[in-house]
Amino acid sequence: MVELEPGETVLKTGPVRWVGREGERAGVLTLTNHALIFDGPVPPRPPGAGMGGGPMRRRAWAAQRGAGPPVLVPGTLRIALWRCRGAAAIPGPSGNDLGVQLLQRSFLLRTSEADAWAPAIRQARASAPPPPPGAMGAGRGGVPANLHCDYCGKQSPPPATRCTTCGAPFEG
């Protein structure tokens, strides 16, 4: 069962298989009015890291440690809907898969309900809360905003290339 934030409600949930560098991994995808939540095997977080972040940040952190492919542990990936640019059913080897495009990357999920998930995600995204202040580029008056770490949730001053709190690299 996923932990919900105040004001958050479940819109859709179901079994999926995350397709990534580590191979396919089974889990449960939950769509809320605020986020997409994958509950299943995920790469571990660095010590002291917060709940934020996506799979690419965790892979980058694991590679930075020199550990090679990350070990997967039971956990949850929470992706705020404001980070989603789109979702689509994509032809796959055994029917349609669900492709989700984020701000700077995308991922693929195998599910028998890709044709139902894609419009549900797009509709939820259209009415989702906006990004937190400073998360989408320049601040007031064109002054560069602090960089928001997708991994630990802390902010670093520009032009940092790594989070000053947890050391996760900022992807360009």
N, C-alpha and C. Protein backbone atom coordinates (compact mmCIF):
# COMPACT_ATOMS: atom_id res chain seq x y z
N MET A 1 0.84 -1.19 0.00
CA MET A 1 0.00 0.00 0.00
C MET A 1 0.88 1.25 0.00
N VAL A 2 0.57 2.18 -0.84
CA VAL A 2 1.34 3.41 -0.98
C VAL A 2 0.89 4.44 0.04
N GLU A 3 1.86 5.23 0.53
CA GLU A 3 1.52 6.33 1.43
C GLU A 3 1.08 7.52 0.58
N LEU A 4 -0.07 8.09 0.93
CA LEU A 4 -0.58 9.25 0.20
C LEU A 4 -0.32 10.52 0.99
N GLU A 5 -0.12 11.60 0.26
CA GLU A 5 0.06 12.91 0.87
C GLU A 5 -1.31 13.50 1.18
N PRO A 6 -1.39 14.52 2.03
CA PRO A 6 -2.67 15.17 2.28
C PRO A 6 -3.29 15.68 0.98
N GLY A 7 -4.57 15.40 0.78
CA GLY A 7 -5.28 15.85 -0.41
C GLY A 7 -5.07 14.96 -1.62
N GLU A 8 -4.34 13.88 -1.48
CA GLU A 8 -4.04 13.00 -2.59
C GLU A 8 -5.03 11.82 -2.61
N THR A 9 -5.51 11.47 -3.80
CA THR A 9 -6.43 10.34 -3.94
C THR A 9 -5.95 9.43 -5.07
N VAL A 10 -6.23 8.13 -4.91
CA VAL A 10 -5.85 7.14 -5.91
C VAL A 10 -6.85 7.20 -7.06
N LEU A 11 -6.33 7.28 -8.30
CA LEU A 11 -7.16 7.30 -9.49
C LEU A 11 -7.14 5.95 -10.22
N LYS A 12 -6.00 5.27 -10.17
CA LYS A 12 -5.86 3.99 -10.87
C LYS A 12 -4.68 3.25 -10.26
N THR A 13 -4.77 1.94 -10.20
CA THR A 13 -3.66 1.12 -9.72
C THR A 13 -3.70 -0.23 -10.41
N GLY A 14 -2.53 -0.82 -10.60
CA GLY A 14 -2.47 -2.13 -11.23
C GLY A 14 -1.05 -2.64 -11.37
N PRO A 15 -0.93 -3.94 -11.67
CA PRO A 15 0.40 -4.54 -11.82
C PRO A 15 1.06 -4.10 -13.13
N VAL A 16 2.37 -3.87 -13.08
CA VAL A 16 3.16 -3.50 -14.25
C VAL A 16 4.52 -4.18 -14.14
N ARG A 17 5.27 -4.11 -15.23
CA ARG A 17 6.67 -4.54 -15.24
C ARG A 17 7.50 -3.37 -15.77
N TRP A 18 8.38 -2.84 -14.94
CA TRP A 18 9.26 -1.73 -15.31
C TRP A 18 10.34 -2.30 -16.21
N VAL A 19 10.54 -1.72 -17.39
CA VAL A 19 11.55 -2.18 -18.33
C VAL A 19 12.72 -1.20 -18.26
N GLY A 20 13.88 -1.68 -17.82
CA GLY A 20 15.03 -0.79 -17.67
C GLY A 20 16.33 -1.53 -17.84
N ARG A 21 17.42 -0.85 -17.52
CA ARG A 21 18.75 -1.44 -17.66
C ARG A 21 18.94 -2.68 -16.80
N GLU A 22 18.23 -2.75 -15.70
CA GLU A 22 18.34 -3.88 -14.80
C GLU A 22 17.47 -5.04 -15.28
N GLY A 23 16.81 -4.89 -16.43
CA GLY A 23 15.88 -5.90 -16.93
C GLY A 23 14.46 -5.51 -16.53
N GLU A 24 13.55 -6.43 -16.67
CA GLU A 24 12.16 -6.16 -16.26
C GLU A 24 12.02 -6.50 -14.79
N ARG A 25 11.24 -5.65 -14.10
CA ARG A 25 10.97 -5.93 -12.69
C ARG A 25 9.50 -5.67 -12.41
N ALA A 26 8.87 -6.62 -11.76
CA ALA A 26 7.44 -6.55 -11.47
C ALA A 26 7.19 -5.61 -10.30
N GLY A 27 6.07 -4.89 -10.39
CA GLY A 27 5.67 -3.99 -9.31
C GLY A 27 4.23 -3.57 -9.51
N VAL A 28 3.83 -2.61 -8.72
CA VAL A 28 2.48 -2.06 -8.81
C VAL A 28 2.60 -0.57 -9.11
N LEU A 29 1.86 -0.12 -10.13
CA LEU A 29 1.83 1.30 -10.49
C LEU A 29 0.55 1.89 -9.94
N THR A 30 0.68 3.02 -9.27
CA THR A 30 -0.48 3.74 -8.75
C THR A 30 -0.45 5.15 -9.31
N LEU A 31 -1.57 5.57 -9.85
CA LEU A 31 -1.74 6.95 -10.33
C LEU A 31 -2.62 7.67 -9.34
N THR A 32 -2.13 8.80 -8.83
CA THR A 32 -2.93 9.64 -7.94
C THR A 32 -3.16 10.98 -8.63
N ASN A 33 -3.88 11.85 -7.98
CA ASN A 33 -4.09 13.19 -8.52
C ASN A 33 -2.83 14.05 -8.37
N HIS A 34 -1.75 13.52 -7.76
CA HIS A 34 -0.50 14.26 -7.59
C HIS A 34 0.71 13.58 -8.22
N ALA A 35 0.69 12.23 -8.35
CA ALA A 35 1.92 11.52 -8.72
C ALA A 35 1.66 10.18 -9.37
N LEU A 36 2.71 9.67 -10.02
CA LEU A 36 2.80 8.28 -10.44
C LEU A 36 3.70 7.60 -9.42
N ILE A 37 3.28 6.46 -8.90
CA ILE A 37 4.04 5.79 -7.85
C ILE A 37 4.28 4.34 -8.26
N PHE A 38 5.56 3.94 -8.37
CA PHE A 38 5.92 2.56 -8.66
C PHE A 38 6.38 1.93 -7.37
N ASP A 39 5.71 0.86 -6.98
CA ASP A 39 6.06 0.13 -5.76
C ASP A 39 6.60 -1.22 -6.18
N GLY A 40 7.89 -1.45 -5.98
CA GLY A 40 8.53 -2.69 -6.39
C GLY A 40 10.03 -2.57 -6.20
N PRO A 41 10.81 -3.44 -6.83
CA PRO A 41 12.26 -3.35 -6.69
C PRO A 41 12.80 -2.07 -7.31
N VAL A 42 13.58 -1.33 -6.54
CA VAL A 42 14.18 -0.08 -7.00
C VAL A 42 15.64 -0.04 -6.57
N PRO A 43 16.48 0.73 -7.27
CA PRO A 43 17.85 0.91 -6.79
C PRO A 43 17.85 1.59 -5.43
N PRO A 44 18.76 1.22 -4.54
CA PRO A 44 18.79 1.82 -3.20
C PRO A 44 19.17 3.29 -3.23
N ARG A 45 18.77 4.02 -2.22
CA ARG A 45 19.11 5.44 -2.09
C ARG A 45 20.43 5.56 -1.34
N PRO A 46 21.15 6.65 -1.59
CA PRO A 46 22.37 6.86 -0.80
C PRO A 46 22.00 7.14 0.64
N PRO A 47 22.90 6.88 1.58
CA PRO A 47 22.61 7.14 2.99
C PRO A 47 22.17 8.57 3.23
N GLY A 48 21.10 8.75 3.99
CA GLY A 48 20.61 10.07 4.35
C GLY A 48 19.79 10.76 3.28
N ALA A 49 19.52 10.10 2.16
CA ALA A 49 18.75 10.75 1.09
C ALA A 49 17.28 10.77 1.42
N GLY A 50 16.59 11.76 0.88
CA GLY A 50 15.15 11.90 1.09
C GLY A 50 14.37 11.00 0.17
N MET A 51 13.06 11.26 0.07
CA MET A 51 12.18 10.41 -0.70
C MET A 51 12.11 10.79 -2.18
N GLY A 52 12.64 11.91 -2.59
CA GLY A 52 12.49 12.35 -3.98
C GLY A 52 13.41 11.60 -4.92
N GLY A 53 13.28 11.89 -6.18
CA GLY A 53 14.21 11.35 -7.14
C GLY A 53 13.63 10.33 -8.08
N GLY A 54 14.29 10.16 -9.18
CA GLY A 54 13.83 9.22 -10.17
C GLY A 54 14.87 8.15 -10.40
N PRO A 55 14.53 7.18 -11.22
CA PRO A 55 15.43 6.07 -11.45
C PRO A 55 16.75 6.49 -12.08
N MET A 56 16.74 7.49 -12.94
CA MET A 56 17.98 7.92 -13.58
C MET A 56 18.94 8.52 -12.56
N ARG A 57 18.43 9.28 -11.61
CA ARG A 57 19.29 9.85 -10.57
C ARG A 57 19.92 8.74 -9.75
N ARG A 58 19.15 7.73 -9.40
CA ARG A 58 19.68 6.64 -8.60
C ARG A 58 20.73 5.85 -9.37
N ARG A 59 20.49 5.63 -10.68
CA ARG A 59 21.49 4.93 -11.50
C ARG A 59 22.77 5.74 -11.56
N ALA A 60 22.62 7.05 -11.75
CA ALA A 60 23.79 7.92 -11.81
C ALA A 60 24.55 7.89 -10.50
N TRP A 61 23.83 7.87 -9.38
CA TRP A 61 24.50 7.82 -8.07
C TRP A 61 25.24 6.50 -7.93
N ALA A 62 24.62 5.39 -8.35
CA ALA A 62 25.26 4.09 -8.24
C ALA A 62 26.52 4.04 -9.11
N ALA A 63 26.43 4.58 -10.33
CA ALA A 63 27.58 4.58 -11.22
C ALA A 63 28.69 5.47 -10.65
N GLN A 64 28.29 6.57 -10.02
CA GLN A 64 29.25 7.49 -9.42
C GLN A 64 30.04 6.77 -8.32
N ARG A 65 29.38 5.88 -7.58
CA ARG A 65 30.05 5.14 -6.53
C ARG A 65 30.98 4.08 -7.08
N GLY A 66 30.85 3.80 -8.40
CA GLY A 66 31.68 2.76 -9.00
C GLY A 66 31.13 1.37 -8.73
N ALA A 67 29.88 1.28 -8.36
CA ALA A 67 29.29 0.00 -7.98
C ALA A 67 28.74 -0.77 -9.17
N GLY A 68 28.81 -0.23 -10.37
CA GLY A 68 28.22 -0.90 -11.52
C GLY A 68 26.71 -0.84 -11.46
N PRO A 69 26.04 -1.83 -12.05
CA PRO A 69 24.58 -1.82 -12.01
C PRO A 69 24.09 -1.88 -10.55
N PRO A 70 23.09 -1.07 -10.21
CA PRO A 70 22.66 -1.03 -8.82
C PRO A 70 21.95 -2.32 -8.41
N VAL A 71 22.07 -2.65 -7.15
CA VAL A 71 21.33 -3.76 -6.56
C VAL A 71 19.91 -3.24 -6.34
N LEU A 72 18.91 -4.07 -6.60
CA LEU A 72 17.53 -3.63 -6.43
C LEU A 72 17.02 -4.07 -5.07
N VAL A 73 16.30 -3.19 -4.41
CA VAL A 73 15.72 -3.47 -3.10
C VAL A 73 14.24 -3.10 -3.13
N PRO A 74 13.42 -3.70 -2.26
CA PRO A 74 12.01 -3.29 -2.21
C PRO A 74 11.91 -1.81 -1.88
N GLY A 75 11.06 -1.10 -2.59
CA GLY A 75 10.93 0.33 -2.34
C GLY A 75 9.88 0.97 -3.22
N THR A 76 9.90 2.28 -3.24
CA THR A 76 8.90 3.05 -3.97
C THR A 76 9.56 4.20 -4.72
N LEU A 77 9.18 4.36 -5.99
CA LEU A 77 9.59 5.53 -6.76
C LEU A 77 8.35 6.41 -6.91
N ARG A 78 8.46 7.65 -6.51
CA ARG A 78 7.34 8.59 -6.59
C ARG A 78 7.72 9.69 -7.57
N ILE A 79 6.92 9.84 -8.65
CA ILE A 79 7.19 10.84 -9.68
C ILE A 79 6.04 11.83 -9.70
N ALA A 80 6.31 13.06 -9.29
CA ALA A 80 5.26 14.09 -9.29
C ALA A 80 4.73 14.27 -10.71
N LEU A 81 3.42 14.44 -10.85
CA LEU A 81 2.81 14.58 -12.18
C LEU A 81 3.30 15.80 -12.94
N TRP A 82 3.75 16.85 -12.24
CA TRP A 82 4.24 18.03 -12.96
C TRP A 82 5.51 17.69 -13.74
N ARG A 83 6.19 16.58 -13.40
CA ARG A 83 7.37 16.15 -14.14
C ARG A 83 7.01 15.38 -15.41
N CYS A 84 5.77 14.95 -15.55
CA CYS A 84 5.34 14.16 -16.71
C CYS A 84 4.96 15.07 -17.87
N ARG A 85 5.60 14.87 -19.00
CA ARG A 85 5.24 15.62 -20.22
C ARG A 85 4.20 14.87 -21.02
N GLY A 86 4.15 13.56 -20.88
CA GLY A 86 3.18 12.80 -21.65
C GLY A 86 3.22 11.32 -21.33
N ALA A 87 2.21 10.61 -21.81
CA ALA A 87 2.10 9.16 -21.67
C ALA A 87 1.42 8.63 -22.91
N ALA A 88 1.88 7.49 -23.40
CA ALA A 88 1.30 6.93 -24.62
C ALA A 88 1.41 5.42 -24.61
N ALA A 89 0.46 4.79 -25.26
CA ALA A 89 0.53 3.35 -25.51
C ALA A 89 1.44 3.16 -26.72
N ILE A 90 2.47 2.34 -26.55
CA ILE A 90 3.48 2.12 -27.57
C ILE A 90 3.47 0.64 -27.95
N PRO A 91 3.45 0.32 -29.26
CA PRO A 91 3.46 -1.09 -29.64
C PRO A 91 4.68 -1.81 -29.06
N GLY A 92 4.43 -2.95 -28.42
CA GLY A 92 5.50 -3.74 -27.82
C GLY A 92 5.47 -5.16 -28.36
N PRO A 93 6.32 -6.01 -27.82
CA PRO A 93 6.42 -7.38 -28.34
C PRO A 93 5.14 -8.21 -28.13
N SER A 94 4.39 -7.91 -27.11
CA SER A 94 3.16 -8.69 -26.85
C SER A 94 1.99 -7.76 -26.56
N GLY A 95 1.76 -6.80 -27.44
CA GLY A 95 0.70 -5.81 -27.24
C GLY A 95 1.31 -4.46 -26.95
N ASN A 96 0.48 -3.53 -26.52
CA ASN A 96 0.97 -2.18 -26.24
C ASN A 96 1.65 -2.10 -24.88
N ASP A 97 2.72 -1.31 -24.80
CA ASP A 97 3.40 -0.97 -23.55
C ASP A 97 3.07 0.47 -23.23
N LEU A 98 3.33 0.89 -22.00
CA LEU A 98 3.07 2.25 -21.58
C LEU A 98 4.38 3.03 -21.55
N GLY A 99 4.49 4.05 -22.38
CA GLY A 99 5.65 4.93 -22.38
C GLY A 99 5.32 6.21 -21.65
N VAL A 100 6.17 6.60 -20.71
CA VAL A 100 5.96 7.84 -19.95
C VAL A 100 7.16 8.74 -20.20
N GLN A 101 6.89 9.95 -20.69
CA GLN A 101 7.94 10.92 -20.96
C GLN A 101 7.98 11.93 -19.83
N LEU A 102 9.16 12.05 -19.20
CA LEU A 102 9.35 13.03 -18.14
C LEU A 102 10.02 14.26 -18.72
N LEU A 103 10.44 15.18 -17.89
CA LEU A 103 11.05 16.42 -18.37
C LEU A 103 12.30 16.17 -19.20
N GLN A 104 13.17 15.24 -18.76
CA GLN A 104 14.43 15.04 -19.47
C GLN A 104 14.72 13.58 -19.80
N ARG A 105 13.80 12.69 -19.57
CA ARG A 105 13.99 11.28 -19.86
C ARG A 105 12.63 10.61 -19.98
N SER A 106 12.66 9.32 -20.29
CA SER A 106 11.40 8.58 -20.38
C SER A 106 11.63 7.17 -19.85
N PHE A 107 10.55 6.45 -19.62
CA PHE A 107 10.65 5.06 -19.18
C PHE A 107 9.49 4.27 -19.76
N LEU A 108 9.62 2.94 -19.71
CA LEU A 108 8.65 2.05 -20.32
C LEU A 108 8.14 1.06 -19.28
N LEU A 109 6.83 0.85 -19.30
CA LEU A 109 6.19 -0.12 -18.41
C LEU A 109 5.41 -1.12 -19.24
N ARG A 110 5.52 -2.39 -18.91
CA ARG A 110 4.71 -3.42 -19.56
C ARG A 110 3.47 -3.62 -18.72
N THR A 111 2.32 -3.49 -19.37
CA THR A 111 1.03 -3.70 -18.72
C THR A 111 0.01 -4.06 -19.79
N SER A 112 -0.93 -4.90 -19.42
CA SER A 112 -1.98 -5.26 -20.38
C SER A 112 -2.98 -4.13 -20.55
N GLU A 113 -2.88 -3.09 -19.72
CA GLU A 113 -3.82 -1.98 -19.76
C GLU A 113 -3.18 -0.67 -20.22
N ALA A 114 -2.16 -0.73 -21.07
CA ALA A 114 -1.48 0.48 -21.53
C ALA A 114 -2.45 1.46 -22.18
N ASP A 115 -3.42 0.91 -22.93
CA ASP A 115 -4.39 1.79 -23.60
C ASP A 115 -5.29 2.54 -22.62
N ALA A 116 -5.44 2.05 -21.40
CA ALA A 116 -6.23 2.75 -20.38
C ALA A 116 -5.35 3.66 -19.51
N TRP A 117 -4.11 3.23 -19.25
CA TRP A 117 -3.21 4.03 -18.41
C TRP A 117 -2.84 5.36 -19.06
N ALA A 118 -2.50 5.35 -20.34
CA ALA A 118 -2.00 6.57 -21.01
C ALA A 118 -2.99 7.73 -20.89
N PRO A 119 -4.28 7.56 -21.26
CA PRO A 119 -5.19 8.70 -21.13
C PRO A 119 -5.46 9.08 -19.66
N ALA A 120 -5.42 8.09 -18.76
CA ALA A 120 -5.63 8.40 -17.34
C ALA A 120 -4.50 9.29 -16.82
N ILE A 121 -3.26 8.99 -17.22
CA ILE A 121 -2.11 9.81 -16.79
C ILE A 121 -2.21 11.21 -17.39
N ARG A 122 -2.54 11.29 -18.67
CA ARG A 122 -2.66 12.62 -19.32
C ARG A 122 -3.75 13.45 -18.65
N GLN A 123 -4.88 12.83 -18.33
CA GLN A 123 -5.98 13.56 -17.69
C GLN A 123 -5.60 14.01 -16.28
N ALA A 124 -4.94 13.13 -15.51
CA ALA A 124 -4.51 13.50 -14.16
C ALA A 124 -3.47 14.62 -14.22
N ARG A 125 -2.57 14.55 -15.20
CA ARG A 125 -1.53 15.58 -15.37
C ARG A 125 -2.14 16.94 -15.64
N ALA A 126 -3.23 16.96 -16.41
CA ALA A 126 -3.87 18.24 -16.76
C ALA A 126 -4.42 18.97 -15.55
N SER A 127 -4.78 18.25 -14.51
CA SER A 127 -5.35 18.90 -13.32
C SER A 127 -4.46 18.74 -12.09
N ALA A 128 -3.20 18.33 -12.28
CA ALA A 128 -2.28 18.13 -11.16
C ALA A 128 -1.80 19.46 -10.59
N PRO A 129 -1.34 19.45 -9.33
CA PRO A 129 -0.76 20.67 -8.76
C PRO A 129 0.46 21.12 -9.56
N PRO A 130 0.73 22.42 -9.58
CA PRO A 130 1.88 22.94 -10.32
C PRO A 130 3.19 22.55 -9.63
N PRO A 131 4.31 22.74 -10.33
CA PRO A 131 5.60 22.44 -9.69
C PRO A 131 5.86 23.38 -8.53
N PRO A 132 6.67 22.94 -7.57
CA PRO A 132 7.02 23.83 -6.46
C PRO A 132 7.80 25.03 -6.97
N PRO A 133 7.76 26.14 -6.24
CA PRO A 133 8.47 27.34 -6.67
C PRO A 133 9.96 27.06 -6.90
N GLY A 134 10.48 27.54 -8.03
CA GLY A 134 11.89 27.40 -8.34
C GLY A 134 12.26 26.09 -9.00
N ALA A 135 11.31 25.19 -9.19
CA ALA A 135 11.64 23.88 -9.74
C ALA A 135 11.74 23.87 -11.26
N MET A 136 11.27 24.89 -11.92
CA MET A 136 11.22 24.86 -13.38
C MET A 136 12.06 25.95 -14.05
N GLY A 137 13.21 26.29 -13.52
CA GLY A 137 14.06 27.24 -14.25
C GLY A 137 14.30 28.52 -13.48
N ALA A 138 14.35 29.64 -14.22
CA ALA A 138 14.71 30.93 -13.63
C ALA A 138 13.68 31.41 -12.63
N GLY A 139 14.17 32.10 -11.65
CA GLY A 139 13.30 32.68 -10.63
C GLY A 139 12.79 34.04 -11.06
N ARG A 140 12.44 34.86 -10.12
CA ARG A 140 11.89 36.20 -10.42
C ARG A 140 12.91 37.09 -11.09
N GLY A 141 12.44 37.84 -12.05
CA GLY A 141 13.30 38.83 -12.72
C GLY A 141 14.39 38.23 -13.57
N GLY A 142 14.25 36.95 -13.97
CA GLY A 142 15.25 36.31 -14.80
C GLY A 142 16.48 35.86 -14.06
N VAL A 143 16.51 36.01 -12.72
CA VAL A 143 17.64 35.56 -11.92
C VAL A 143 17.58 34.04 -11.85
N PRO A 144 18.68 33.33 -12.12
CA PRO A 144 18.64 31.87 -12.09
C PRO A 144 18.18 31.35 -10.73
N ALA A 145 17.28 30.39 -10.78
CA ALA A 145 16.76 29.79 -9.55
C ALA A 145 17.73 28.74 -9.05
N ASN A 146 17.62 28.41 -7.78
CA ASN A 146 18.41 27.32 -7.24
C ASN A 146 18.05 26.04 -7.96
N LEU A 147 18.98 25.12 -8.04
CA LEU A 147 18.75 23.83 -8.68
C LEU A 147 18.13 22.90 -7.65
N HIS A 148 17.04 22.26 -8.03
CA HIS A 148 16.32 21.35 -7.14
C HIS A 148 16.78 19.92 -7.41
N CYS A 149 17.28 19.24 -6.39
CA CYS A 149 17.76 17.88 -6.54
C CYS A 149 16.57 16.91 -6.59
N ASP A 150 16.48 16.16 -7.67
CA ASP A 150 15.42 15.16 -7.80
C ASP A 150 15.62 14.01 -6.83
N TYR A 151 16.81 13.88 -6.28
CA TYR A 151 17.12 12.74 -5.44
C TYR A 151 16.80 12.98 -3.97
N CYS A 152 17.36 14.03 -3.39
CA CYS A 152 17.15 14.27 -1.96
C CYS A 152 16.16 15.40 -1.69
N GLY A 153 15.80 16.16 -2.73
CA GLY A 153 14.82 17.22 -2.57
C GLY A 153 15.39 18.55 -2.11
N LYS A 154 16.69 18.62 -1.87
CA LYS A 154 17.32 19.87 -1.42
C LYS A 154 17.69 20.73 -2.62
N GLN A 155 18.02 21.99 -2.35
CA GLN A 155 18.39 22.92 -3.41
C GLN A 155 19.87 23.26 -3.34
N SER A 156 20.45 23.48 -4.51
CA SER A 156 21.85 23.89 -4.63
C SER A 156 21.89 25.14 -5.49
N PRO A 157 22.83 26.04 -5.22
CA PRO A 157 22.91 27.27 -6.03
C PRO A 157 23.47 26.97 -7.42
N PRO A 158 23.00 27.71 -8.46
CA PRO A 158 23.60 27.55 -9.77
C PRO A 158 25.02 28.09 -9.72
N PRO A 159 25.94 27.66 -10.48
CA PRO A 159 25.90 26.68 -11.56
C PRO A 159 26.36 25.29 -11.12
N ALA A 160 25.96 24.82 -9.94
CA ALA A 160 26.40 23.52 -9.43
C ALA A 160 26.10 22.41 -10.43
N THR A 161 26.99 21.44 -10.51
CA THR A 161 26.77 20.27 -11.37
C THR A 161 26.38 19.06 -10.54
N ARG A 162 26.54 19.17 -9.21
CA ARG A 162 26.14 18.11 -8.29
C ARG A 162 25.41 18.73 -7.11
N CYS A 163 24.50 17.96 -6.51
CA CYS A 163 23.78 18.43 -5.33
C CYS A 163 24.78 18.66 -4.20
N THR A 164 24.68 19.80 -3.54
CA THR A 164 25.60 20.10 -2.45
C THR A 164 25.27 19.33 -1.19
N THR A 165 24.10 18.69 -1.13
CA THR A 165 23.70 17.91 0.03
C THR A 165 24.07 16.44 -0.10
N CYS A 166 23.62 15.80 -1.21
CA CYS A 166 23.83 14.34 -1.34
C CYS A 166 24.84 13.96 -2.40
N GLY A 167 25.26 14.91 -3.25
CA GLY A 167 26.26 14.63 -4.26
C GLY A 167 25.74 14.06 -5.57
N ALA A 168 24.41 13.91 -5.69
CA ALA A 168 23.84 13.38 -6.94
C ALA A 168 24.11 14.36 -8.06
N PRO A 169 24.48 13.86 -9.25
CA PRO A 169 24.74 14.77 -10.37
C PRO A 169 23.45 15.34 -10.92
N PHE A 170 23.50 16.61 -11.36
CA PHE A 170 22.37 17.21 -12.06
C PHE A 170 22.52 16.83 -13.52
N GLU A 171 21.45 16.32 -14.11
CA GLU A 171 21.50 15.91 -15.51
C GLU A 171 21.13 17.11 -16.37
N GLY A 172 21.87 17.29 -17.44
CA GLY A 172 21.67 18.44 -18.30
C GLY A 172 20.67 18.26 -19.36
